[in-house]
Full PDB file with SEQRES, HELIX, SHEET, SSBOND, CRYST1, ORIGX, SCALE, CONECT and MASTER records, all heavy atoms in Angstrom:
SEQRES   1 A   43  ALA GLY ALA ALA LEU VAL ASN GLU ALA ALA VAL THR GLY          
SEQRES   2 A   43  GLU SER ALA PRO VAL VAL ARG GLU SER GLY GLY ASP ARG          
SEQRES   3 A   43  SER ALA VAL THR GLY GLY THR GLU VAL ILE ALA ASN SER          
SEQRES   4 A   43  ILE VAL VAL ARG                                              
HELIX    1 AA1 ALA A    9  THR A   12  1                                   4    
SHEET    1 AA1 3 VAL A  18  GLU A  21  0                                        
SHEET    2 AA1 3 ALA A   3  ASN A   7 -1                                        
SHEET    3 AA1 3 GLU A  34  ALA A  37 -1                                        
CRYST1    1.000    1.000    1.000  90.00  90.00  90.00 P 1           1          
ORIGX1      1.000000  0.000000  0.000000        0.00000                         
ORIGX2      0.000000  1.000000  0.000000        0.00000                         
ORIGX3      0.000000  0.000000  1.000000        0.00000                         
SCALE1      1.000000  0.000000  0.000000        0.00000                         
SCALE2      0.000000  1.000000  0.000000        0.00000                         
SCALE3      0.000000  0.000000  1.000000        0.00000                         
ATOM      1  N   ALA A   1      -2.129  -5.446 -10.007  1.00  0.00           N  
ATOM      2  CA  ALA A   1      -3.561  -5.732 -10.076  1.00  0.00           C  
ATOM      3  C   ALA A   1      -4.197  -5.389  -8.735  1.00  0.00           C  
ATOM      4  O   ALA A   1      -3.631  -5.666  -7.681  1.00  0.00           O  
ATOM      5  CB  ALA A   1      -3.812  -7.201 -10.419  1.00  0.00           C  
ATOM      6  N   GLY A   2      -5.388  -4.775  -8.809  1.00  0.00           N  
ATOM      7  CA  GLY A   2      -6.123  -4.454  -7.602  1.00  0.00           C  
ATOM      8  C   GLY A   2      -5.731  -3.127  -6.981  1.00  0.00           C  
ATOM      9  O   GLY A   2      -4.870  -2.395  -7.491  1.00  0.00           O  
ATOM     10  N   ALA A   3      -6.394  -2.807  -5.879  1.00  0.00           N  
ATOM     11  CA  ALA A   3      -6.123  -1.588  -5.107  1.00  0.00           C  
ATOM     12  C   ALA A   3      -6.368  -1.918  -3.643  1.00  0.00           C  
ATOM     13  O   ALA A   3      -7.241  -2.719  -3.315  1.00  0.00           O  
ATOM     14  CB  ALA A   3      -7.026  -0.441  -5.558  1.00  0.00           C  
ATOM     15  N   ALA A   4      -5.581  -1.308  -2.751  1.00  0.00           N  
ATOM     16  CA  ALA A   4      -5.704  -1.628  -1.328  1.00  0.00           C  
ATOM     17  C   ALA A   4      -5.294  -0.444  -0.475  1.00  0.00           C  
ATOM     18  O   ALA A   4      -4.559   0.444  -0.920  1.00  0.00           O  
ATOM     19  CB  ALA A   4      -4.847  -2.842  -0.978  1.00  0.00           C  
ATOM     20  N   LEU A   5      -5.812  -0.446   0.771  1.00  0.00           N  
ATOM     21  CA  LEU A   5      -5.347   0.508   1.774  1.00  0.00           C  
ATOM     22  C   LEU A   5      -4.132  -0.100   2.463  1.00  0.00           C  
ATOM     23  O   LEU A   5      -4.178  -1.250   2.901  1.00  0.00           O  
ATOM     24  CB  LEU A   5      -6.441   0.777   2.807  1.00  0.00           C  
ATOM     25  CG  LEU A   5      -7.496   1.828   2.469  1.00  0.00           C  
ATOM     26  CD1 LEU A   5      -8.527   1.887   3.588  1.00  0.00           C  
ATOM     27  CD2 LEU A   5      -6.875   3.190   2.263  1.00  0.00           C  
ATOM     28  N   VAL A   6      -3.059   0.674   2.548  1.00  0.00           N  
ATOM     29  CA  VAL A   6      -1.811   0.162   3.100  1.00  0.00           C  
ATOM     30  C   VAL A   6      -1.368   1.028   4.269  1.00  0.00           C  
ATOM     31  O   VAL A   6      -1.357   2.267   4.178  1.00  0.00           O  
ATOM     32  CB  VAL A   6      -0.706   0.123   2.022  1.00  0.00           C  
ATOM     33  CG1 VAL A   6       0.602  -0.396   2.603  1.00  0.00           C  
ATOM     34  CG2 VAL A   6      -1.144  -0.745   0.841  1.00  0.00           C  
ATOM     35  N   ASN A   7      -1.005   0.391   5.374  1.00  0.00           N  
ATOM     36  CA  ASN A   7      -0.449   1.084   6.530  1.00  0.00           C  
ATOM     37  C   ASN A   7       1.071   1.141   6.354  1.00  0.00           C  
ATOM     38  O   ASN A   7       1.751   0.116   6.421  1.00  0.00           O  
ATOM     39  CB  ASN A   7      -0.817   0.342   7.818  1.00  0.00           C  
ATOM     40  CG  ASN A   7      -0.189   0.978   9.047  1.00  0.00           C  
ATOM     41  OD1 ASN A   7       0.368   2.067   8.981  1.00  0.00           O  
ATOM     42  ND2 ASN A   7      -0.294   0.300  10.170  1.00  0.00           N  
ATOM     43  N   GLU A   8       1.631   2.347   6.146  1.00  0.00           N  
ATOM     44  CA  GLU A   8       3.063   2.501   5.897  1.00  0.00           C  
ATOM     45  C   GLU A   8       3.797   3.071   7.102  1.00  0.00           C  
ATOM     46  O   GLU A   8       4.869   3.658   6.976  1.00  0.00           O  
ATOM     47  CB  GLU A   8       3.283   3.400   4.675  1.00  0.00           C  
ATOM     48  CG  GLU A   8       2.756   2.784   3.390  1.00  0.00           C  
ATOM     49  CD  GLU A   8       3.156   3.553   2.152  1.00  0.00           C  
ATOM     50  OE1 GLU A   8       3.468   4.757   2.293  1.00  0.00           O  
ATOM     51  OE2 GLU A   8       3.169   2.965   1.061  1.00  0.00           O  
ATOM     52  N   ALA A   9       3.221   2.905   8.285  1.00  0.00           N  
ATOM     53  CA  ALA A   9       3.848   3.453   9.490  1.00  0.00           C  
ATOM     54  C   ALA A   9       5.251   2.896   9.707  1.00  0.00           C  
ATOM     55  O   ALA A   9       6.102   3.558  10.284  1.00  0.00           O  
ATOM     56  CB  ALA A   9       2.980   3.152  10.720  1.00  0.00           C  
ATOM     57  N   ALA A  10       5.505   1.692   9.223  1.00  0.00           N  
ATOM     58  CA  ALA A  10       6.826   1.097   9.397  1.00  0.00           C  
ATOM     59  C   ALA A  10       7.905   1.903   8.693  1.00  0.00           C  
ATOM     60  O   ALA A  10       9.064   1.890   9.085  1.00  0.00           O  
ATOM     61  CB  ALA A  10       6.825  -0.329   8.852  1.00  0.00           C  
ATOM     62  N   VAL A  11       7.518   2.617   7.639  1.00  0.00           N  
ATOM     63  CA  VAL A  11       8.487   3.381   6.858  1.00  0.00           C  
ATOM     64  C   VAL A  11       8.395   4.869   7.159  1.00  0.00           C  
ATOM     65  O   VAL A  11       9.397   5.538   7.389  1.00  0.00           O  
ATOM     66  CB  VAL A  11       8.275   3.132   5.349  1.00  0.00           C  
ATOM     67  CG1 VAL A  11       9.188   4.026   4.522  1.00  0.00           C  
ATOM     68  CG2 VAL A  11       8.523   1.671   5.022  1.00  0.00           C  
ATOM     69  N   THR A  12       7.175   5.396   7.173  1.00  0.00           N  
ATOM     70  CA  THR A  12       7.011   6.845   7.300  1.00  0.00           C  
ATOM     71  C   THR A  12       6.772   7.309   8.721  1.00  0.00           C  
ATOM     72  O   THR A  12       6.937   8.491   9.020  1.00  0.00           O  
ATOM     73  CB  THR A  12       5.823   7.326   6.446  1.00  0.00           C  
ATOM     74  OG1 THR A  12       4.607   6.791   6.990  1.00  0.00           O  
ATOM     75  CG2 THR A  12       5.965   6.867   5.006  1.00  0.00           C  
ATOM     76  N   GLY A  13       6.313   6.402   9.600  1.00  0.00           N  
ATOM     77  CA  GLY A  13       5.973   6.816  10.958  1.00  0.00           C  
ATOM     78  C   GLY A  13       4.564   7.361  11.058  1.00  0.00           C  
ATOM     79  O   GLY A  13       4.088   7.659  12.145  1.00  0.00           O  
ATOM     80  N   GLU A  14       3.865   7.496   9.928  1.00  0.00           N  
ATOM     81  CA  GLU A  14       2.495   8.004   9.932  1.00  0.00           C  
ATOM     82  C   GLU A  14       1.525   6.834   9.994  1.00  0.00           C  
ATOM     83  O   GLU A  14       1.700   5.824   9.308  1.00  0.00           O  
ATOM     84  CB  GLU A  14       2.232   8.831   8.668  1.00  0.00           C  
ATOM     85  CG  GLU A  14       3.121  10.065   8.551  1.00  0.00           C  
ATOM     86  CD  GLU A  14       2.839  11.080   9.645  1.00  0.00           C  
ATOM     87  OE1 GLU A  14       1.692  11.130  10.134  1.00  0.00           O  
ATOM     88  OE2 GLU A  14       3.758  11.814  10.013  1.00  0.00           O  
ATOM     89  N   SER A  15       0.493   6.980  10.815  1.00  0.00           N  
ATOM     90  CA  SER A  15      -0.446   5.877  11.008  1.00  0.00           C  
ATOM     91  C   SER A  15      -1.589   5.880   9.997  1.00  0.00           C  
ATOM     92  O   SER A  15      -2.269   4.875   9.842  1.00  0.00           O  
ATOM     93  CB  SER A  15      -1.028   5.931  12.423  1.00  0.00           C  
ATOM     94  OG  SER A  15      -1.668   7.175  12.636  1.00  0.00           O  
ATOM     95  N   ALA A  16      -1.844   6.987   9.303  1.00  0.00           N  
ATOM     96  CA  ALA A  16      -2.948   7.055   8.360  1.00  0.00           C  
ATOM     97  C   ALA A  16      -2.654   6.167   7.151  1.00  0.00           C  
ATOM     98  O   ALA A  16      -1.612   6.306   6.516  1.00  0.00           O  
ATOM     99  CB  ALA A  16      -3.176   8.499   7.907  1.00  0.00           C  
ATOM    100  N   PRO A  17      -3.556   5.231   6.815  1.00  0.00           N  
ATOM    101  CA  PRO A  17      -3.308   4.356   5.664  1.00  0.00           C  
ATOM    102  C   PRO A  17      -3.414   5.133   4.356  1.00  0.00           C  
ATOM    103  O   PRO A  17      -4.069   6.174   4.277  1.00  0.00           O  
ATOM    104  CB  PRO A  17      -4.417   3.310   5.777  1.00  0.00           C  
ATOM    105  CG  PRO A  17      -5.502   3.976   6.555  1.00  0.00           C  
ATOM    106  CD  PRO A  17      -4.827   4.920   7.494  1.00  0.00           C  
ATOM    107  N   VAL A  18      -2.766   4.607   3.321  1.00  0.00           N  
ATOM    108  CA  VAL A  18      -2.765   5.250   2.007  1.00  0.00           C  
ATOM    109  C   VAL A  18      -3.210   4.236   0.967  1.00  0.00           C  
ATOM    110  O   VAL A  18      -3.125   3.024   1.181  1.00  0.00           O  
ATOM    111  CB  VAL A  18      -1.367   5.794   1.648  1.00  0.00           C  
ATOM    112  CG1 VAL A  18      -0.982   6.944   2.550  1.00  0.00           C  
ATOM    113  CG2 VAL A  18      -0.321   4.691   1.724  1.00  0.00           C  
ATOM    114  N   VAL A  19      -3.679   4.726  -0.165  1.00  0.00           N  
ATOM    115  CA  VAL A  19      -4.151   3.855  -1.239  1.00  0.00           C  
ATOM    116  C   VAL A  19      -2.984   3.507  -2.153  1.00  0.00           C  
ATOM    117  O   VAL A  19      -2.224   4.385  -2.563  1.00  0.00           O  
ATOM    118  CB  VAL A  19      -5.272   4.540  -2.046  1.00  0.00           C  
ATOM    119  CG1 VAL A  19      -5.683   3.669  -3.233  1.00  0.00           C  
ATOM    120  CG2 VAL A  19      -6.471   4.822  -1.157  1.00  0.00           C  
ATOM    121  N   ARG A  20      -2.855   2.238  -2.466  1.00  0.00           N  
ATOM    122  CA  ARG A  20      -1.891   1.780  -3.452  1.00  0.00           C  
ATOM    123  C   ARG A  20      -2.668   0.987  -4.497  1.00  0.00           C  
ATOM    124  O   ARG A  20      -3.428   0.079  -4.162  1.00  0.00           O  
ATOM    125  CB  ARG A  20      -0.810   0.894  -2.804  1.00  0.00           C  
ATOM    126  CG  ARG A  20       0.077   1.663  -1.845  1.00  0.00           C  
ATOM    127  CD  ARG A  20       0.993   2.615  -2.602  1.00  0.00           C  
ATOM    128  NE  ARG A  20       1.735   3.473  -1.690  1.00  0.00           N  
ATOM    129  CZ  ARG A  20       1.371   4.703  -1.373  1.00  0.00           C  
ATOM    130  NH1 ARG A  20       0.266   5.200  -1.896  1.00  0.00           N  
ATOM    131  NH2 ARG A  20       2.102   5.435  -0.561  1.00  0.00           N  
ATOM    132  N   GLU A  21      -2.471   1.346  -5.772  1.00  0.00           N  
ATOM    133  CA  GLU A  21      -3.256   0.732  -6.836  1.00  0.00           C  
ATOM    134  C   GLU A  21      -2.421   0.570  -8.088  1.00  0.00           C  
ATOM    135  O   GLU A  21      -1.386   1.229  -8.256  1.00  0.00           O  
ATOM    136  CB  GLU A  21      -4.495   1.586  -7.140  1.00  0.00           C  
ATOM    137  CG  GLU A  21      -4.171   3.020  -7.526  1.00  0.00           C  
ATOM    138  CD  GLU A  21      -5.405   3.886  -7.628  1.00  0.00           C  
ATOM    139  OE1 GLU A  21      -6.503   3.327  -7.645  1.00  0.00           O  
ATOM    140  OE2 GLU A  21      -5.258   5.116  -7.681  1.00  0.00           O  
ATOM    141  N   SER A  22      -2.870  -0.293  -8.968  1.00  0.00           N  
ATOM    142  CA  SER A  22      -2.143  -0.550 -10.205  1.00  0.00           C  
ATOM    143  C   SER A  22      -2.446   0.533 -11.236  1.00  0.00           C  
ATOM    144  O   SER A  22      -3.469   1.213 -11.159  1.00  0.00           O  
ATOM    145  CB  SER A  22      -2.537  -1.918 -10.772  1.00  0.00           C  
ATOM    146  OG  SER A  22      -3.924  -1.931 -11.090  1.00  0.00           O  
ATOM    147  N   GLY A  23      -1.506   0.690 -12.147  1.00  0.00           N  
ATOM    148  CA  GLY A  23      -1.745   1.547 -13.298  1.00  0.00           C  
ATOM    149  C   GLY A  23      -1.571   3.026 -13.084  1.00  0.00           C  
ATOM    150  O   GLY A  23      -1.945   3.818 -13.940  1.00  0.00           O  
ATOM    151  N   GLY A  24      -1.028   3.461 -11.974  1.00  0.00           N  
ATOM    152  CA  GLY A  24      -0.857   4.891 -11.739  1.00  0.00           C  
ATOM    153  C   GLY A  24       0.499   5.206 -11.160  1.00  0.00           C  
ATOM    154  O   GLY A  24       1.414   4.378 -11.166  1.00  0.00           O  
ATOM    155  N   ASP A  25       0.624   6.435 -10.655  1.00  0.00           N  
ATOM    156  CA  ASP A  25       1.877   6.860 -10.052  1.00  0.00           C  
ATOM    157  C   ASP A  25       1.952   6.511  -8.569  1.00  0.00           C  
ATOM    158  O   ASP A  25       2.884   6.919  -7.889  1.00  0.00           O  
ATOM    159  CB  ASP A  25       2.044   8.387 -10.225  1.00  0.00           C  
ATOM    160  CG  ASP A  25       2.354   8.755 -11.661  1.00  0.00           C  
ATOM    161  OD1 ASP A  25       2.723   7.850 -12.432  1.00  0.00           O  
ATOM    162  OD2 ASP A  25       2.213   9.943 -12.015  1.00  0.00           O  
ATOM    163  N   ARG A  26       0.955   5.780  -8.062  1.00  0.00           N  
ATOM    164  CA  ARG A  26       0.970   5.354  -6.663  1.00  0.00           C  
ATOM    165  C   ARG A  26       0.904   3.832  -6.583  1.00  0.00           C  
ATOM    166  O   ARG A  26       0.116   3.258  -5.839  1.00  0.00           O  
ATOM    167  CB  ARG A  26      -0.186   6.003  -5.890  1.00  0.00           C  
ATOM    168  CG  ARG A  26      -0.025   7.514  -5.793  1.00  0.00           C  
ATOM    169  CD  ARG A  26      -1.142   8.163  -5.002  1.00  0.00           C  
ATOM    170  NE  ARG A  26      -0.893   9.596  -4.849  1.00  0.00           N  
ATOM    171  CZ  ARG A  26      -0.232  10.151  -3.852  1.00  0.00           C  
ATOM    172  NH1 ARG A  26       0.246   9.384  -2.899  1.00  0.00           N  
ATOM    173  NH2 ARG A  26      -0.047  11.447  -3.784  1.00  0.00           N  
ATOM    174  N   SER A  27       1.736   3.211  -7.387  1.00  0.00           N  
ATOM    175  CA  SER A  27       1.712   1.745  -7.466  1.00  0.00           C  
ATOM    176  C   SER A  27       2.813   1.089  -6.644  1.00  0.00           C  
ATOM    177  O   SER A  27       2.770  -0.114  -6.421  1.00  0.00           O  
ATOM    178  CB  SER A  27       1.838   1.303  -8.927  1.00  0.00           C  
ATOM    179  OG  SER A  27       3.075   1.741  -9.471  1.00  0.00           O  
ATOM    180  N   ALA A  28       3.824   1.855  -6.214  1.00  0.00           N  
ATOM    181  CA  ALA A  28       4.958   1.257  -5.500  1.00  0.00           C  
ATOM    182  C   ALA A  28       4.579   0.934  -4.056  1.00  0.00           C  
ATOM    183  O   ALA A  28       3.926   1.728  -3.380  1.00  0.00           O  
ATOM    184  CB  ALA A  28       6.152   2.202  -5.524  1.00  0.00           C  
ATOM    185  N   VAL A  29       4.989  -0.234  -3.585  1.00  0.00           N  
ATOM    186  CA  VAL A  29       4.792  -0.630  -2.194  1.00  0.00           C  
ATOM    187  C   VAL A  29       6.138  -1.037  -1.615  1.00  0.00           C  
ATOM    188  O   VAL A  29       7.057  -1.422  -2.344  1.00  0.00           O  
ATOM    189  CB  VAL A  29       3.784  -1.786  -2.058  1.00  0.00           C  
ATOM    190  CG1 VAL A  29       2.382  -1.326  -2.416  1.00  0.00           C  
ATOM    191  CG2 VAL A  29       4.196  -2.977  -2.920  1.00  0.00           C  
ATOM    192  N   THR A  30       6.247  -0.935  -0.299  1.00  0.00           N  
ATOM    193  CA  THR A  30       7.514  -1.198   0.387  1.00  0.00           C  
ATOM    194  C   THR A  30       7.376  -2.400   1.302  1.00  0.00           C  
ATOM    195  O   THR A  30       6.373  -2.526   2.023  1.00  0.00           O  
ATOM    196  CB  THR A  30       7.926   0.043   1.205  1.00  0.00           C  
ATOM    197  OG1 THR A  30       8.005   1.169   0.330  1.00  0.00           O  
ATOM    198  CG2 THR A  30       9.272  -0.171   1.869  1.00  0.00           C  
ATOM    199  N   GLY A  31       8.368  -3.274   1.278  1.00  0.00           N  
ATOM    200  CA  GLY A  31       8.365  -4.422   2.160  1.00  0.00           C  
ATOM    201  C   GLY A  31       8.313  -4.002   3.614  1.00  0.00           C  
ATOM    202  O   GLY A  31       8.983  -3.062   4.025  1.00  0.00           O  
ATOM    203  N   GLY A  32       7.508  -4.712   4.406  1.00  0.00           N  
ATOM    204  CA  GLY A  32       7.367  -4.374   5.815  1.00  0.00           C  
ATOM    205  C   GLY A  32       6.137  -3.557   6.121  1.00  0.00           C  
ATOM    206  O   GLY A  32       5.832  -3.322   7.286  1.00  0.00           O  
ATOM    207  N   THR A  33       5.430  -3.103   5.091  1.00  0.00           N  
ATOM    208  CA  THR A  33       4.179  -2.383   5.314  1.00  0.00           C  
ATOM    209  C   THR A  33       3.015  -3.384   5.285  1.00  0.00           C  
ATOM    210  O   THR A  33       3.171  -4.521   4.844  1.00  0.00           O  
ATOM    211  CB  THR A  33       3.979  -1.280   4.258  1.00  0.00           C  
ATOM    212  OG1 THR A  33       4.035  -1.860   2.939  1.00  0.00           O  
ATOM    213  CG2 THR A  33       5.076  -0.238   4.378  1.00  0.00           C  
ATOM    214  N   GLU A  34       1.850  -2.956   5.736  1.00  0.00           N  
ATOM    215  CA  GLU A  34       0.736  -3.886   5.949  1.00  0.00           C  
ATOM    216  C   GLU A  34      -0.506  -3.441   5.192  1.00  0.00           C  
ATOM    217  O   GLU A  34      -0.880  -2.266   5.217  1.00  0.00           O  
ATOM    218  CB  GLU A  34       0.413  -3.967   7.448  1.00  0.00           C  
ATOM    219  CG  GLU A  34      -0.695  -4.938   7.780  1.00  0.00           C  
ATOM    220  CD  GLU A  34      -1.027  -4.947   9.263  1.00  0.00           C  
ATOM    221  OE1 GLU A  34      -0.473  -4.090  10.000  1.00  0.00           O  
ATOM    222  OE2 GLU A  34      -1.829  -5.782   9.693  1.00  0.00           O  
ATOM    223  N   VAL A  35      -1.140  -4.383   4.507  1.00  0.00           N  
ATOM    224  CA  VAL A  35      -2.397  -4.115   3.809  1.00  0.00           C  
ATOM    225  C   VAL A  35      -3.537  -4.129   4.830  1.00  0.00           C  
ATOM    226  O   VAL A  35      -3.686  -5.086   5.599  1.00  0.00           O  
ATOM    227  CB  VAL A  35      -2.652  -5.155   2.702  1.00  0.00           C  
ATOM    228  CG1 VAL A  35      -4.071  -5.036   2.163  1.00  0.00           C  
ATOM    229  CG2 VAL A  35      -1.647  -4.971   1.575  1.00  0.00           C  
ATOM    230  N   ILE A  36      -4.304  -3.042   4.849  1.00  0.00           N  
ATOM    231  CA  ILE A  36      -5.411  -2.921   5.810  1.00  0.00           C  
ATOM    232  C   ILE A  36      -6.702  -3.487   5.238  1.00  0.00           C  
ATOM    233  O   ILE A  36      -7.468  -4.157   5.941  1.00  0.00           O  
ATOM    234  CB  ILE A  36      -5.618  -1.438   6.195  1.00  0.00           C  
ATOM    235  CG1 ILE A  36      -4.336  -0.870   6.805  1.00  0.00           C  
ATOM    236  CG2 ILE A  36      -6.781  -1.288   7.164  1.00  0.00           C  
ATOM    237  CD1 ILE A  36      -3.912  -1.558   8.071  1.00  0.00           C  
ATOM    238  N   ALA A  37      -6.964  -3.213   3.958  1.00  0.00           N  
ATOM    239  CA  ALA A  37      -8.221  -3.661   3.351  1.00  0.00           C  
ATOM    240  C   ALA A  37      -7.991  -3.960   1.872  1.00  0.00           C  
ATOM    241  O   ALA A  37      -7.106  -3.385   1.231  1.00  0.00           O  
ATOM    242  CB  ALA A  37      -9.303  -2.590   3.504  1.00  0.00           C  
ATOM    243  N   ASN A  38      -8.777  -4.897   1.344  1.00  0.00           N  
ATOM    244  CA  ASN A  38      -8.745  -5.320  -0.054  1.00  0.00           C  
ATOM    245  C   ASN A  38      -7.513  -6.182  -0.338  1.00  0.00           C  
ATOM    246  O   ASN A  38      -6.739  -6.488   0.571  1.00  0.00           O  
ATOM    247  CB  ASN A  38      -8.825  -4.126  -1.009  1.00  0.00           C  
ATOM    248  CG  ASN A  38     -10.090  -3.316  -0.791  1.00  0.00           C  
ATOM    249  OD1 ASN A  38     -11.094  -3.820  -0.307  1.00  0.00           O  
ATOM    250  ND2 ASN A  38     -10.036  -2.046  -1.131  1.00  0.00           N  
ATOM    251  N   SER A  39      -7.348  -6.539  -1.601  1.00  0.00           N  
ATOM    252  CA  SER A  39      -6.259  -7.424  -2.008  1.00  0.00           C  
ATOM    253  C   SER A  39      -5.561  -6.861  -3.230  1.00  0.00           C  
ATOM    254  O   SER A  39      -6.189  -6.214  -4.078  1.00  0.00           O  
ATOM    255  CB  SER A  39      -6.796  -8.828  -2.331  1.00  0.00           C  
ATOM    256  OG  SER A  39      -7.447  -9.384  -1.208  1.00  0.00           O  
ATOM    257  N   ILE A  40      -4.267  -7.138  -3.333  1.00  0.00           N  
ATOM    258  CA  ILE A  40      -3.482  -6.661  -4.469  1.00  0.00           C  
ATOM    259  C   ILE A  40      -2.504  -7.749  -4.906  1.00  0.00           C  
ATOM    260  O   ILE A  40      -2.146  -8.629  -4.132  1.00  0.00           O  
ATOM    261  CB  ILE A  40      -2.690  -5.380  -4.135  1.00  0.00           C  
ATOM    262  CG1 ILE A  40      -1.896  -5.554  -2.834  1.00  0.00           C  
ATOM    263  CG2 ILE A  40      -3.584  -4.162  -4.076  1.00  0.00           C  
ATOM    264  CD1 ILE A  40      -1.008  -4.369  -2.483  1.00  0.00           C  
ATOM    265  N   VAL A  41      -2.108  -7.661  -6.167  1.00  0.00           N  
ATOM    266  CA  VAL A  41      -1.024  -8.489  -6.685  1.00  0.00           C  
ATOM    267  C   VAL A  41       0.193  -7.588  -6.839  1.00  0.00           C  
ATOM    268  O   VAL A  41       0.121  -6.518  -7.453  1.00  0.00           O  
ATOM    269  CB  VAL A  41      -1.390  -9.132  -8.033  1.00  0.00           C  
ATOM    270  CG1 VAL A  41      -0.171  -9.854  -8.629  1.00  0.00           C  
ATOM    271  CG2 VAL A  41      -2.537 -10.113  -7.861  1.00  0.00           C  
ATOM    272  N   VAL A  42       1.322  -8.022  -6.265  1.00  0.00           N  
ATOM    273  CA  VAL A  42       2.542  -7.215  -6.269  1.00  0.00           C  
ATOM    274  C   VAL A  42       3.641  -7.951  -7.037  1.00  0.00           C  
ATOM    275  O   VAL A  42       3.887  -9.133  -6.795  1.00  0.00           O  
ATOM    276  CB  VAL A  42       3.018  -6.935  -4.824  1.00  0.00           C  
ATOM    277  CG1 VAL A  42       4.360  -6.198  -4.821  1.00  0.00           C  
ATOM    278  CG2 VAL A  42       1.964  -6.133  -4.064  1.00  0.00           C  
ATOM    279  N   ARG A  43       4.270  -7.220  -7.948  1.00  0.00           N  
ATOM    280  CA  ARG A  43       5.451  -7.758  -8.628  1.00  0.00           C  
ATOM    281  C   ARG A  43       6.682  -7.332  -7.839  1.00  0.00           C  
ATOM    282  O   ARG A  43       6.925  -6.156  -7.629  1.00  0.00           O  
ATOM    283  CB  ARG A  43       5.548  -7.231 -10.064  1.00  0.00           C  
ATOM    284  CG  ARG A  43       6.776  -7.755 -10.820  1.00  0.00           C  
ATOM    285  CD  ARG A  43       6.796  -7.247 -12.255  1.00  0.00           C  
ATOM    286  NE  ARG A  43       6.948  -5.807 -12.297  1.00  0.00           N  
ATOM    287  CZ  ARG A  43       8.122  -5.162 -12.248  1.00  0.00           C  
ATOM    288  NH1 ARG A  43       9.249  -5.849 -12.137  1.00  0.00           N  
ATOM    289  NH2 ARG A  43       8.168  -3.847 -12.299  1.00  0.00           N  
TER     290      ARG A  43                                                      
MASTER        0    0    0    1    3    0    0    6  289    1    0    4          
END                                                                             
């Protein structure tokens, strides 16, 4: 549920945040990354 900007530098080394949202092919999130804006529900 929801969509958010996520900083994945902990995993990829890249500082540019990426969008993670429900219902698509970009729904997976990794532990240790940080949400920059908005809120999401993660299973």
